[in-house]
Amino acid sequence: MSREQIEIIIAMYREETPYSKIAAELGLTEHSVKHWVRRNRKLYELPRRRNLGEKTGVLSESVMLDSKWDVRRGIEWIKRKWL
């Protein structure tokens, strides 16, 4: 990638632009942009985008509301100590 493309990826990524829009802007595939970010995360100090719930395993309220299952009850059953 050219230096200009790298600068655009970094700037757009830090503005939380979706990978698909970054790729479209540069004429690249979404996969190539994701791959570049993953490989260069430390070098350019690019933060991870995952929210805290995904990192810690905590489910958001929207997941609870959108699910057809009773998520709270499922969690209770999973955490239950079985004899």
Protein backbone atom coordinates (compact mmCIF):
# COMPACT_ATOMS: atom_id res chain seq x y z
CA MET A 1 0.00 0.00 0.00
CA SER A 2 1.10 3.51 -0.65
CA ARG A 3 1.83 5.94 2.17
CA GLU A 4 -1.24 7.95 1.16
CA GLN A 5 -3.51 4.89 1.43
CA ILE A 6 -2.04 4.06 4.83
CA GLU A 7 -2.71 7.58 6.11
CA ILE A 8 -6.29 7.43 4.85
CA ILE A 9 -6.89 4.04 6.51
CA ILE A 10 -5.48 5.28 9.81
CA ALA A 11 -7.52 8.50 9.77
CA MET A 12 -10.78 6.84 8.76
CA TYR A 13 -10.30 3.95 11.18
CA ARG A 14 -9.74 6.35 14.08
CA GLU A 15 -12.95 8.16 13.09
CA GLU A 16 -14.68 4.76 13.44
CA THR A 17 -15.54 4.60 9.74
CA PRO A 18 -16.75 1.10 8.78
CA TYR A 19 -14.25 -1.10 6.96
CA SER A 20 -16.56 -1.25 3.93
CA LYS A 21 -16.47 2.54 3.51
CA ILE A 22 -12.70 2.69 3.95
CA ALA A 23 -12.31 -0.02 1.32
CA ALA A 24 -14.66 1.72 -1.10
CA GLU A 25 -12.81 5.02 -0.66
CA LEU A 26 -9.49 3.38 -1.54
CA GLY A 27 -10.71 0.91 -4.15
CA LEU A 28 -9.63 -2.05 -2.01
CA THR A 29 -11.48 -5.05 -0.65
CA GLU A 30 -12.89 -4.92 2.84
CA HIS A 31 -10.82 -8.00 3.69
CA SER A 32 -7.56 -6.30 2.70
CA VAL A 33 -8.34 -3.29 4.89
CA LYS A 34 -9.21 -5.48 7.90
CA HIS A 35 -6.10 -7.56 7.38
CA TRP A 36 -3.89 -4.48 7.15
CA VAL A 37 -5.39 -3.03 10.34
CA ARG A 38 -4.89 -6.29 12.25
CA ARG A 39 -1.28 -6.61 11.12
CA ASN A 40 -0.42 -2.97 11.88
CA ARG A 41 -2.51 -2.31 15.00
CA LYS A 42 0.50 -2.01 17.34
CA LEU A 43 2.74 -0.11 14.94
CA TYR A 44 0.17 2.68 14.38
CA GLU A 45 -1.50 2.39 17.81
CA LEU A 46 -4.92 1.60 16.40
CA PRO A 47 -7.44 0.80 19.12
CA ARG A 48 -9.67 -2.25 18.96
CA ARG A 49 -13.25 -1.54 18.01
CA ARG A 50 -14.97 -4.26 19.99
CA ASN A 51 -17.19 -2.95 22.71
CA LEU A 52 -16.69 -3.82 26.34
CA GLY A 53 -19.55 -6.32 26.31
CA GLU A 54 -17.87 -8.42 23.66
CA LYS A 55 -14.56 -8.36 25.54
CA THR A 56 -15.99 -9.23 28.94
CA GLY A 57 -18.81 -11.50 27.88
CA VAL A 58 -21.44 -9.15 29.30
CA LEU A 59 -24.57 -9.03 27.18
CA SER A 60 -26.09 -5.68 26.37
CA GLU A 61 -29.70 -4.90 27.08
CA SER A 62 -30.45 -4.75 23.35
CA VAL A 63 -29.36 -8.38 22.97
CA MET A 64 -31.74 -9.33 25.74
CA LEU A 65 -34.63 -7.50 24.11
CA ASP A 66 -33.96 -8.65 20.54
CA SER A 67 -33.59 -12.33 21.33
CA LYS A 68 -36.51 -14.72 20.86
CA TRP A 69 -35.17 -16.73 23.78
CA ASP A 70 -35.27 -15.82 27.44
CA VAL A 71 -31.58 -14.94 27.63
CA ARG A 72 -31.62 -14.11 31.32
CA ARG A 73 -33.09 -17.48 32.22
CA GLY A 74 -30.56 -19.22 29.96
CA ILE A 75 -27.71 -17.47 31.73
CA GLU A 76 -29.14 -18.48 35.10
CA TRP A 77 -29.28 -22.12 34.00
CA ILE A 78 -25.73 -22.04 32.67
CA LYS A 79 -24.38 -20.53 35.89
CA ARG A 80 -26.37 -22.90 38.08
CA LYS A 81 -24.38 -25.40 40.12
CA TRP A 82 -25.53 -28.86 39.20
CA LEU A 83 -25.30 -31.82 41.56
